Amino acid sequence: MSFCDFHWFSKTLGKQVATYVVLPDNPELKPPFATFYLLHGLSDDHTIWHRRTRIETYADRLPLIVVMPDGFRGFYTNNTEGPRYAEYIGEELPAIIERNFPARSARGARAVGGLSMGGYGALRIALGYPDRYTSANSHSGALMHGSRPTKKPTSSLQDAEWRRVFGPKPMETDHDLVHLARECEKAGNLPKIRIDCGTDDFLIEDNRAYHKHLEALRIDHEYEEFPGVHNWDYWDTHVRTALAFHAKNLKLKVPG
């Protein structure tokens, strides 16, 4: 595959941002291509999926562009006190990718996935923009962070940060993935959803809780648990299943 270190100006954030892009160079694969937006976790940046996994190898035979943006620490949602990260990822990024790369501009040609904060972000983007994304997956996602009150700011930097991101009571807002899923279900406009998590991951109970919420709402989705913890061995293994999930929903044709 070809690799691009893409730098561009985000009007939403008011700053220069960087995005890694890998795209097919196999002459058997004819453009324009579908696009998979792959989101990183809280402590990482746009380089991490490419550095810590074999994502380029796994996607090699697919007619698919993989886009890895920098999501900073904003949970890919429009922060209550801060930048509008959902708008940046959900709207602005696809528009600039589709202007600069041979990417198809259609709901049926866009998928999104991620790990941890990016797992939350993938569902936040797909459920927040259901007319733009056909499928979403979460690995080890922080899926309940927007569905419960945040702690009052203390000496903990993280408590203050979560309050700025989600506000004191994010439930029933666009930060709340349960609320967003319910609204999509009412509108009959749900993306396909896949969730997985390691059984020894510190976020396993949040994943089980969100799975139960989707079951209660009778929302069709894939949910699996596997042996593993919150690390790159787990994500490098299971991103392959995510690619197969999206390939099916994007209706990708792989050359024989």
C-alpha atoms as a PDB file:
ATOM      1  CA  MET A   1       0.000   0.000   0.000  1.00  0.00           C
ATOM      2  CA  SER A   2       0.999   3.633  -0.383  1.00  0.00           C
ATOM      3  CA  PHE A   3       1.577   5.733   2.719  1.00  0.00           C
ATOM      4  CA  CYS A   4       0.921   9.451   3.178  1.00  0.00           C
ATOM      5  CA  ASP A   5       1.765  11.704   6.128  1.00  0.00           C
ATOM      6  CA  PHE A   6      -0.987  14.240   5.422  1.00  0.00           C
ATOM      7  CA  HIS A   7      -0.922  17.700   7.044  1.00  0.00           C
ATOM      8  CA  TRP A   8      -3.838  20.080   6.723  1.00  0.00           C
ATOM      9  CA  PHE A   9      -5.533  23.031   8.418  1.00  0.00           C
ATOM     10  CA  SER A  10      -8.650  22.271  10.441  1.00  0.00           C
ATOM     11  CA  LYS A  11     -11.047  25.203  10.469  1.00  0.00           C
ATOM     12  CA  THR A  12     -13.011  23.471  13.227  1.00  0.00           C
ATOM     13  CA  LEU A  13     -10.001  23.331  15.569  1.00  0.00           C
ATOM     14  CA  GLY A  14      -8.291  26.442  14.223  1.00  0.00           C
ATOM     15  CA  LYS A  15      -4.936  24.689  13.835  1.00  0.00           C
ATOM     16  CA  GLN A  16      -2.758  22.504  11.679  1.00  0.00           C
ATOM     17  CA  VAL A  17      -3.365  18.771  12.178  1.00  0.00           C
ATOM     18  CA  ALA A  18      -1.699  15.591  10.958  1.00  0.00           C
ATOM     19  CA  THR A  19      -3.296  12.425   9.609  1.00  0.00           C
ATOM     20  CA  TYR A  20      -1.753   9.158   8.436  1.00  0.00           C
ATOM     21  CA  VAL A  21      -3.344   7.695   5.304  1.00  0.00           C
ATOM     22  CA  VAL A  22      -2.636   4.323   3.694  1.00  0.00           C
ATOM     23  CA  LEU A  23      -4.227   3.537   0.378  1.00  0.00           C
ATOM     24  CA  PRO A  24      -4.160   0.791  -2.236  1.00  0.00           C
ATOM     25  CA  ASP A  25      -1.456   0.755  -4.888  1.00  0.00           C
ATOM     26  CA  ASN A  26      -2.380  -2.656  -6.313  1.00  0.00           C
ATOM     27  CA  PRO A  27      -3.346  -2.097  -9.979  1.00  0.00           C
ATOM     28  CA  GLU A  28      -6.061  -4.748  -9.621  1.00  0.00           C
ATOM     29  CA  LEU A  29      -7.877  -2.448  -7.191  1.00  0.00           C
ATOM     30  CA  LYS A  30      -9.720   0.307  -9.028  1.00  0.00           C
ATOM     31  CA  PRO A  31     -10.541   3.682  -7.441  1.00  0.00           C
ATOM     32  CA  PRO A  32     -12.498   5.343  -6.013  1.00  0.00           C
ATOM     33  CA  PHE A  33     -12.223   3.452  -2.719  1.00  0.00           C
ATOM     34  CA  ALA A  34     -14.182   3.064   0.502  1.00  0.00           C
ATOM     35  CA  THR A  35     -12.686   4.615   3.630  1.00  0.00           C
ATOM     36  CA  PHE A  36     -12.040   3.304   7.150  1.00  0.00           C
ATOM     37  CA  TYR A  37     -11.406   5.961   9.825  1.00  0.00           C
ATOM     38  CA  LEU A  38      -9.290   4.366  12.564  1.00  0.00           C
ATOM     39  CA  LEU A  39      -9.147   6.210  15.900  1.00  0.00           C
ATOM     40  CA  HIS A  40      -6.482   6.061  18.612  1.00  0.00           C
ATOM     41  CA  GLY A  41      -6.775   5.972  22.406  1.00  0.00           C
ATOM     42  CA  LEU A  42      -6.361   8.672  25.039  1.00  0.00           C
ATOM     43  CA  SER A  43      -2.581   8.750  25.388  1.00  0.00           C
ATOM     44  CA  ASP A  44      -1.644   8.302  21.716  1.00  0.00           C
ATOM     45  CA  ASP A  45      -1.774  10.150  18.401  1.00  0.00           C
ATOM     46  CA  HIS A  46      -2.284   9.589  14.677  1.00  0.00           C
ATOM     47  CA  THR A  47       0.933   7.563  14.314  1.00  0.00           C
ATOM     48  CA  ILE A  48       0.175   4.807  16.804  1.00  0.00           C
ATOM     49  CA  TRP A  49      -1.906   2.332  14.773  1.00  0.00           C
ATOM     50  CA  HIS A  50       0.717   2.368  12.040  1.00  0.00           C
ATOM     51  CA  ARG A  51       3.583   2.002  14.539  1.00  0.00           C
ATOM     52  CA  ARG A  52       2.147  -0.674  16.815  1.00  0.00           C
ATOM     53  CA  THR A  53       0.109  -2.908  14.468  1.00  0.00           C
ATOM     54  CA  ARG A  54       0.346  -4.400  10.980  1.00  0.00           C
ATOM     55  CA  ILE A  55      -2.710  -2.482   9.790  1.00  0.00           C
ATOM     56  CA  GLU A  56      -1.067  -1.716   6.430  1.00  0.00           C
ATOM     57  CA  THR A  57      -0.428  -5.415   5.812  1.00  0.00           C
ATOM     58  CA  TYR A  58      -3.894  -6.487   6.958  1.00  0.00           C
ATOM     59  CA  ALA A  59      -5.600  -4.008   4.600  1.00  0.00           C
ATOM     60  CA  ASP A  60      -3.279  -4.698   1.672  1.00  0.00           C
ATOM     61  CA  ARG A  61      -5.698  -6.650  -0.540  1.00  0.00           C
ATOM     62  CA  LEU A  62      -8.746  -4.526   0.231  1.00  0.00           C
ATOM     63  CA  PRO A  63     -10.034  -1.688  -1.975  1.00  0.00           C
ATOM     64  CA  LEU A  64      -9.943   0.494   1.126  1.00  0.00           C
ATOM     65  CA  ILE A  65      -8.266   3.695   2.315  1.00  0.00           C
ATOM     66  CA  VAL A  66      -7.356   3.633   6.022  1.00  0.00           C
ATOM     67  CA  VAL A  67      -7.328   7.089   7.613  1.00  0.00           C
ATOM     68  CA  MET A  68      -5.695   7.574  11.026  1.00  0.00           C
ATOM     69  CA  PRO A  69      -6.307  11.100  12.409  1.00  0.00           C
ATOM     70  CA  ASP A  70      -5.052  12.795  15.556  1.00  0.00           C
ATOM     71  CA  GLY A  71      -7.970  12.939  17.990  1.00  0.00           C
ATOM     72  CA  PHE A  72      -5.984  14.600  20.795  1.00  0.00           C
ATOM     73  CA  ARG A  73      -7.634  13.900  24.218  1.00  0.00           C
ATOM     74  CA  GLY A  74     -11.138  15.038  23.327  1.00  0.00           C
ATOM     75  CA  PHE A  75     -12.979  11.688  23.094  1.00  0.00           C
ATOM     76  CA  TYR A  76     -14.060  12.571  19.543  1.00  0.00           C
ATOM     77  CA  THR A  77     -17.069  14.426  20.919  1.00  0.00           C
ATOM     78  CA  ASN A  78     -17.945  18.130  20.907  1.00  0.00           C
ATOM     79  CA  ASN A  79     -16.448  19.077  24.254  1.00  0.00           C
ATOM     80  CA  THR A  80     -18.740  20.874  26.680  1.00  0.00           C
ATOM     81  CA  GLU A  81     -15.889  23.303  27.387  1.00  0.00           C
ATOM     82  CA  GLY A  82     -13.519  23.011  24.460  1.00  0.00           C
ATOM     83  CA  PRO A  83     -13.086  22.031  20.824  1.00  0.00           C
ATOM     84  CA  ARG A  84     -15.738  20.402  18.661  1.00  0.00           C
ATOM     85  CA  TYR A  85     -13.937  17.121  18.047  1.00  0.00           C
ATOM     86  CA  ALA A  86     -17.004  15.281  16.715  1.00  0.00           C
ATOM     87  CA  GLU A  87     -17.436  17.912  14.034  1.00  0.00           C
ATOM     88  CA  TYR A  88     -13.710  17.758  13.217  1.00  0.00           C
ATOM     89  CA  ILE A  89     -13.699  13.948  12.816  1.00  0.00           C
ATOM     90  CA  GLY A  90     -17.266  13.306  11.699  1.00  0.00           C
ATOM     91  CA  GLU A  91     -17.669  16.087   9.135  1.00  0.00           C
ATOM     92  CA  GLU A  92     -14.493  17.998   8.343  1.00  0.00           C
ATOM     93  CA  LEU A  93     -12.073  15.083   8.043  1.00  0.00           C
ATOM     94  CA  PRO A  94     -14.106  13.007   5.526  1.00  0.00           C
ATOM     95  CA  ALA A  95     -14.696  16.106   3.421  1.00  0.00           C
ATOM     96  CA  ILE A  96     -10.980  16.880   3.115  1.00  0.00           C
ATOM     97  CA  ILE A  97     -10.038  13.215   2.579  1.00  0.00           C
ATOM     98  CA  GLU A  98     -12.588  12.954  -0.231  1.00  0.00           C
ATOM     99  CA  ARG A  99     -11.215  16.131  -1.845  1.00  0.00           C
ATOM    100  CA  ASN A 100      -7.593  14.990  -1.741  1.00  0.00           C
ATOM    101  CA  PHE A 101      -7.702  11.192  -2.159  1.00  0.00           C
ATOM    102  CA  PRO A 102      -9.608   8.779  -4.450  1.00  0.00           C
ATOM    103  CA  ALA A 103     -12.304   8.132  -1.838  1.00  0.00           C
ATOM    104  CA  ARG A 104     -15.969   7.531  -2.557  1.00  0.00           C
ATOM    105  CA  SER A 105     -18.300  10.120  -1.076  1.00  0.00           C
ATOM    106  CA  ALA A 106     -21.242   8.124   0.247  1.00  0.00           C
ATOM    107  CA  ARG A 107     -22.553   6.691   3.518  1.00  0.00           C
ATOM    108  CA  GLY A 108     -22.120   3.175   2.184  1.00  0.00           C
ATOM    109  CA  ALA A 109     -18.420   3.837   1.605  1.00  0.00           C
ATOM    110  CA  ARG A 110     -17.466   5.072   5.101  1.00  0.00           C
ATOM    111  CA  ALA A 111     -16.676   3.058   8.244  1.00  0.00           C
ATOM    112  CA  VAL A 112     -15.114   4.036  11.566  1.00  0.00           C
ATOM    113  CA  GLY A 113     -13.396   2.118  14.364  1.00  0.00           C
ATOM    114  CA  GLY A 114     -11.030   2.608  17.253  1.00  0.00           C
ATOM    115  CA  LEU A 115      -9.667   1.463  20.581  1.00  0.00           C
ATOM    116  CA  SER A 116     -10.370   2.646  24.143  1.00  0.00           C
ATOM    117  CA  MET A 117     -11.118   6.391  23.829  1.00  0.00           C
ATOM    118  CA  GLY A 118     -11.246   5.733  20.079  1.00  0.00           C
ATOM    119  CA  GLY A 119     -13.723   2.888  20.606  1.00  0.00           C
ATOM    120  CA  TYR A 120     -16.029   5.356  22.318  1.00  0.00           C
ATOM    121  CA  GLY A 121     -15.209   7.825  19.543  1.00  0.00           C
ATOM    122  CA  ALA A 122     -16.079   5.413  16.750  1.00  0.00           C
ATOM    123  CA  LEU A 123     -19.576   4.873  18.144  1.00  0.00           C
ATOM    124  CA  ARG A 124     -19.908   8.579  19.001  1.00  0.00           C
ATOM    125  CA  ILE A 125     -19.158   9.484  15.383  1.00  0.00           C
ATOM    126  CA  ALA A 126     -21.235   6.751  13.720  1.00  0.00           C
ATOM    127  CA  LEU A 127     -24.257   7.194  15.990  1.00  0.00           C
ATOM    128  CA  GLY A 128     -23.930  10.979  15.926  1.00  0.00           C
ATOM    129  CA  TYR A 129     -23.735  11.001  12.121  1.00  0.00           C
ATOM    130  CA  PRO A 130     -25.751   7.910  11.110  1.00  0.00           C
ATOM    131  CA  ASP A 131     -26.398   9.334   7.649  1.00  0.00           C
ATOM    132  CA  ARG A 132     -22.624   9.420   7.004  1.00  0.00           C
ATOM    133  CA  TYR A 133     -21.271   6.056   8.290  1.00  0.00           C
ATOM    134  CA  THR A 134     -22.407   2.547   7.433  1.00  0.00           C
ATOM    135  CA  SER A 135     -20.549   0.657  10.197  1.00  0.00           C
ATOM    136  CA  ALA A 136     -18.579   1.170  13.410  1.00  0.00           C
ATOM    137  CA  ASN A 137     -16.475  -0.995  15.683  1.00  0.00           C
ATOM    138  CA  SER A 138     -15.006  -0.581  19.148  1.00  0.00           C
ATOM    139  CA  HIS A 139     -12.076  -2.435  20.695  1.00  0.00           C
ATOM    140  CA  SER A 140     -11.856  -2.142  24.513  1.00  0.00           C
ATOM    141  CA  GLY A 141     -13.987   0.988  24.356  1.00  0.00           C
ATOM    142  CA  ALA A 142     -14.679   3.512  27.114  1.00  0.00           C
ATOM    143  CA  LEU A 143     -18.323   3.134  26.135  1.00  0.00           C
ATOM    144  CA  MET A 144     -20.068   4.340  29.292  1.00  0.00           C
ATOM    145  CA  HIS A 145     -18.043   7.503  29.913  1.00  0.00           C
ATOM    146  CA  GLY A 146     -20.807   9.714  28.524  1.00  0.00           C
ATOM    147  CA  SER A 147     -23.626   7.808  30.245  1.00  0.00           C
ATOM    148  CA  ARG A 148     -22.960   8.727  33.888  1.00  0.00           C
ATOM    149  CA  PRO A 149     -22.161  11.893  35.861  1.00  0.00           C
ATOM    150  CA  THR A 150     -18.581  13.068  35.887  1.00  0.00           C
ATOM    151  CA  LYS A 151     -16.803  13.564  39.191  1.00  0.00           C
ATOM    152  CA  LYS A 152     -16.483  17.017  40.695  1.00  0.00           C
ATOM    153  CA  PRO A 153     -13.044  18.480  39.947  1.00  0.00           C
ATOM    154  CA  THR A 154     -10.500  17.626  42.615  1.00  0.00           C
ATOM    155  CA  SER A 155      -6.737  17.517  42.623  1.00  0.00           C
ATOM    156  CA  SER A 156      -7.063  14.851  39.919  1.00  0.00           C
ATOM    157  CA  LEU A 157      -6.231  16.314  36.520  1.00  0.00           C
ATOM    158  CA  GLN A 158      -8.325  13.596  34.858  1.00  0.00           C
ATOM    159  CA  ASP A 159     -11.489  14.478  36.827  1.00  0.00           C
ATOM    160  CA  ALA A 160     -11.231  18.097  35.712  1.00  0.00           C
ATOM    161  CA  GLU A 161     -10.515  17.008  32.163  1.00  0.00           C
ATOM    162  CA  TRP A 162     -13.550  14.695  32.011  1.00  0.00           C
ATOM    163  CA  ARG A 163     -15.747  17.523  33.335  1.00  0.00           C
ATOM    164  CA  ARG A 164     -14.545  19.814  30.523  1.00  0.00           C
ATOM    165  CA  VAL A 165     -15.126  17.105  27.911  1.00  0.00           C
ATOM    166  CA  PHE A 166     -18.508  15.743  29.005  1.00  0.00           C
ATOM    167  CA  GLY A 167     -19.924  18.326  31.413  1.00  0.00           C
ATOM    168  CA  PRO A 168     -21.257  17.393  34.861  1.00  0.00           C
ATOM    169  CA  LYS A 169     -24.279  15.396  33.626  1.00  0.00           C
ATOM    170  CA  PRO A 170     -23.763  14.079  30.079  1.00  0.00           C
ATOM    171  CA  MET A 171     -26.631  11.584  30.231  1.00  0.00           C
ATOM    172  CA  GLU A 172     -29.252  12.029  27.491  1.00  0.00           C
ATOM    173  CA  THR A 173     -26.914  14.332  25.537  1.00  0.00           C
ATOM    174  CA  ASP A 174     -24.840  13.672  22.451  1.00  0.00           C
ATOM    175  CA  HIS A 175     -22.020  12.487  24.736  1.00  0.00           C
ATOM    176  CA  ASP A 176     -24.186   9.533  25.825  1.00  0.00           C
ATOM    177  CA  LEU A 177     -23.811   6.509  23.530  1.00  0.00           C
ATOM    178  CA  VAL A 178     -26.940   4.873  24.965  1.00  0.00           C
ATOM    179  CA  HIS A 179     -28.963   7.991  24.146  1.00  0.00           C
ATOM    180  CA  LEU A 180     -27.481   8.222  20.640  1.00  0.00           C
ATOM    181  CA  ALA A 181     -28.232   4.554  19.922  1.00  0.00           C
ATOM    182  CA  ARG A 182     -31.808   5.002  21.130  1.00  0.00           C
ATOM    183  CA  GLU A 183     -32.296   8.044  18.880  1.00  0.00           C
ATOM    184  CA  CYS A 184     -30.882   6.226  15.851  1.00  0.00           C
ATOM    185  CA  GLU A 185     -33.107   3.232  16.535  1.00  0.00           C
ATOM    186  CA  LYS A 186     -36.180   5.493  16.715  1.00  0.00           C
ATOM    187  CA  ALA A 187     -35.211   7.085  13.401  1.00  0.00           C
ATOM    188  CA  GLY A 188     -34.552   3.689  11.800  1.00  0.00           C
ATOM    189  CA  ASN A 189     -31.074   4.810  10.778  1.00  0.00           C
ATOM    190  CA  LEU A 190     -28.598   2.622  12.643  1.00  0.00           C
ATOM    191  CA  PRO A 191     -25.092   1.842  11.426  1.00  0.00           C
ATOM    192  CA  LYS A 192     -23.863  -1.722  11.828  1.00  0.00           C
ATOM    193  CA  ILE A 193     -22.087  -2.082  15.186  1.00  0.00           C
ATOM    194  CA  ARG A 194     -19.373  -4.440  16.417  1.00  0.00           C
ATOM    195  CA  ILE A 195     -17.915  -4.383  19.969  1.00  0.00           C
ATOM    196  CA  ASP A 196     -15.146  -6.504  21.454  1.00  0.00           C
ATOM    197  CA  CYS A 197     -13.133  -6.422  24.665  1.00  0.00           C
ATOM    198  CA  GLY A 198     -10.608  -8.509  26.559  1.00  0.00           C
ATOM    199  CA  THR A 199     -11.933 -10.371  29.598  1.00  0.00           C
ATOM    200  CA  ASP A 200      -9.120  -8.977  31.775  1.00  0.00           C
ATOM    201  CA  ASP A 201      -9.417  -5.430  30.425  1.00  0.00           C
ATOM    202  CA  PHE A 202     -10.181  -2.755  33.037  1.00  0.00           C
ATOM    203  CA  LEU A 203     -13.035  -1.555  30.763  1.00  0.00           C
ATOM    204  CA  ILE A 204     -14.732  -4.947  30.446  1.00  0.00           C
ATOM    205  CA  GLU A 205     -17.645  -4.057  32.750  1.00  0.00           C
ATOM    206  CA  ASP A 206     -18.369  -0.896  30.757  1.00  0.00           C
ATOM    207  CA  ASN A 207     -18.451  -2.976  27.567  1.00  0.00           C
ATOM    208  CA  ARG A 208     -20.787  -5.517  29.149  1.00  0.00           C
ATOM    209  CA  ALA A 209     -23.034  -2.718  30.398  1.00  0.00           C
ATOM    210  CA  TYR A 210     -23.273  -1.095  26.975  1.00  0.00           C
ATOM    211  CA  HIS A 211     -23.945  -4.469  25.350  1.00  0.00           C
ATOM    212  CA  LYS A 212     -26.858  -4.972  27.777  1.00  0.00           C
ATOM    213  CA  HIS A 213     -28.230  -1.527  26.923  1.00  0.00           C
ATOM    214  CA  LEU A 214     -28.203  -2.363  23.218  1.00  0.00           C
ATOM    215  CA  GLU A 215     -29.892  -5.687  23.919  1.00  0.00           C
ATOM    216  CA  ALA A 216     -32.576  -3.917  25.969  1.00  0.00           C
ATOM    217  CA  LEU A 217     -33.142  -1.524  23.054  1.00  0.00           C
ATOM    218  CA  ARG A 218     -33.290  -4.546  20.697  1.00  0.00           C
ATOM    219  CA  ILE A 219     -30.520  -3.070  18.583  1.00  0.00           C
ATOM    220  CA  ASP A 220     -28.800  -5.656  16.435  1.00  0.00           C
ATOM    221  CA  HIS A 221     -25.034  -5.691  16.984  1.00  0.00           C
ATOM    222  CA  GLU A 222     -22.037  -7.977  17.297  1.00  0.00           C
ATOM    223  CA  TYR A 223     -20.496  -8.387  20.739  1.00  0.00           C
ATOM    224  CA  GLU A 224     -17.578 -10.651  21.652  1.00  0.00           C
ATOM    225  CA  GLU A 225     -15.189 -11.115  24.563  1.00  0.00           C
ATOM    226  CA  PHE A 226     -11.767 -12.667  24.175  1.00  0.00           C
ATOM    227  CA  PRO A 227      -8.851 -13.444  26.467  1.00  0.00           C
ATOM    228  CA  GLY A 228      -6.725 -10.325  26.773  1.00  0.00           C
ATOM    229  CA  VAL A 229      -5.982  -7.033  28.452  1.00  0.00           C
ATOM    230  CA  HIS A 230      -5.787  -3.381  27.413  1.00  0.00           C
ATOM    231  CA  ASN A 231      -2.731  -3.636  25.175  1.00  0.00           C
ATOM    232  CA  TRP A 232      -1.430  -3.747  21.611  1.00  0.00           C
ATOM    233  CA  ASP A 233      -1.184  -7.523  21.444  1.00  0.00           C
ATOM    234  CA  TYR A 234      -4.961  -7.597  21.815  1.00  0.00           C
ATOM    235  CA  TRP A 235      -5.683  -4.755  19.350  1.00  0.00           C
ATOM    236  CA  ASP A 236      -3.271  -5.993  16.673  1.00  0.00           C
ATOM    237  CA  THR A 237      -5.043  -9.350  16.769  1.00  0.00           C
ATOM    238  CA  HIS A 238      -8.619  -8.087  16.699  1.00  0.00           C
ATOM    239  CA  VAL A 239      -8.321  -5.254  14.204  1.00  0.00           C
ATOM    240  CA  ARG A 240      -8.211  -8.015  11.578  1.00  0.00           C
ATOM    241  CA  THR A 241     -11.718  -9.106  12.559  1.00  0.00           C
ATOM    242  CA  ALA A 242     -12.827  -5.480  12.469  1.00  0.00           C
ATOM    243  CA  LEU A 243     -11.517  -5.118   8.926  1.00  0.00           C
ATOM    244  CA  ALA A 244     -13.483  -8.204   7.855  1.00  0.00           C
ATOM    245  CA  PHE A 245     -16.609  -6.800   9.544  1.00  0.00           C
ATOM    246  CA  HIS A 246     -16.296  -3.494   7.706  1.00  0.00           C
ATOM    247  CA  ALA A 247     -15.375  -5.153   4.398  1.00  0.00           C
ATOM    248  CA  LYS A 248     -18.683  -7.038   4.559  1.00  0.00           C
ATOM    249  CA  ASN A 249     -20.721  -3.933   5.362  1.00  0.00           C
ATOM    250  CA  LEU A 250     -18.879  -1.797   2.817  1.00  0.00           C
ATOM    251  CA  LYS A 251     -19.464  -4.581   0.257  1.00  0.00           C
ATOM    252  CA  LEU A 252     -15.816  -4.629  -0.735  1.00  0.00           C
ATOM    253  CA  LYS A 253     -14.777  -6.935  -3.552  1.00  0.00           C
ATOM    254  CA  VAL A 254     -11.355  -8.503  -3.001  1.00  0.00           C
ATOM    255  CA  PRO A 255      -9.523  -9.592  -6.174  1.00  0.00           C
ATOM    256  CA  GLY A 256      -9.169 -13.354  -6.545  1.00  0.00           C
END
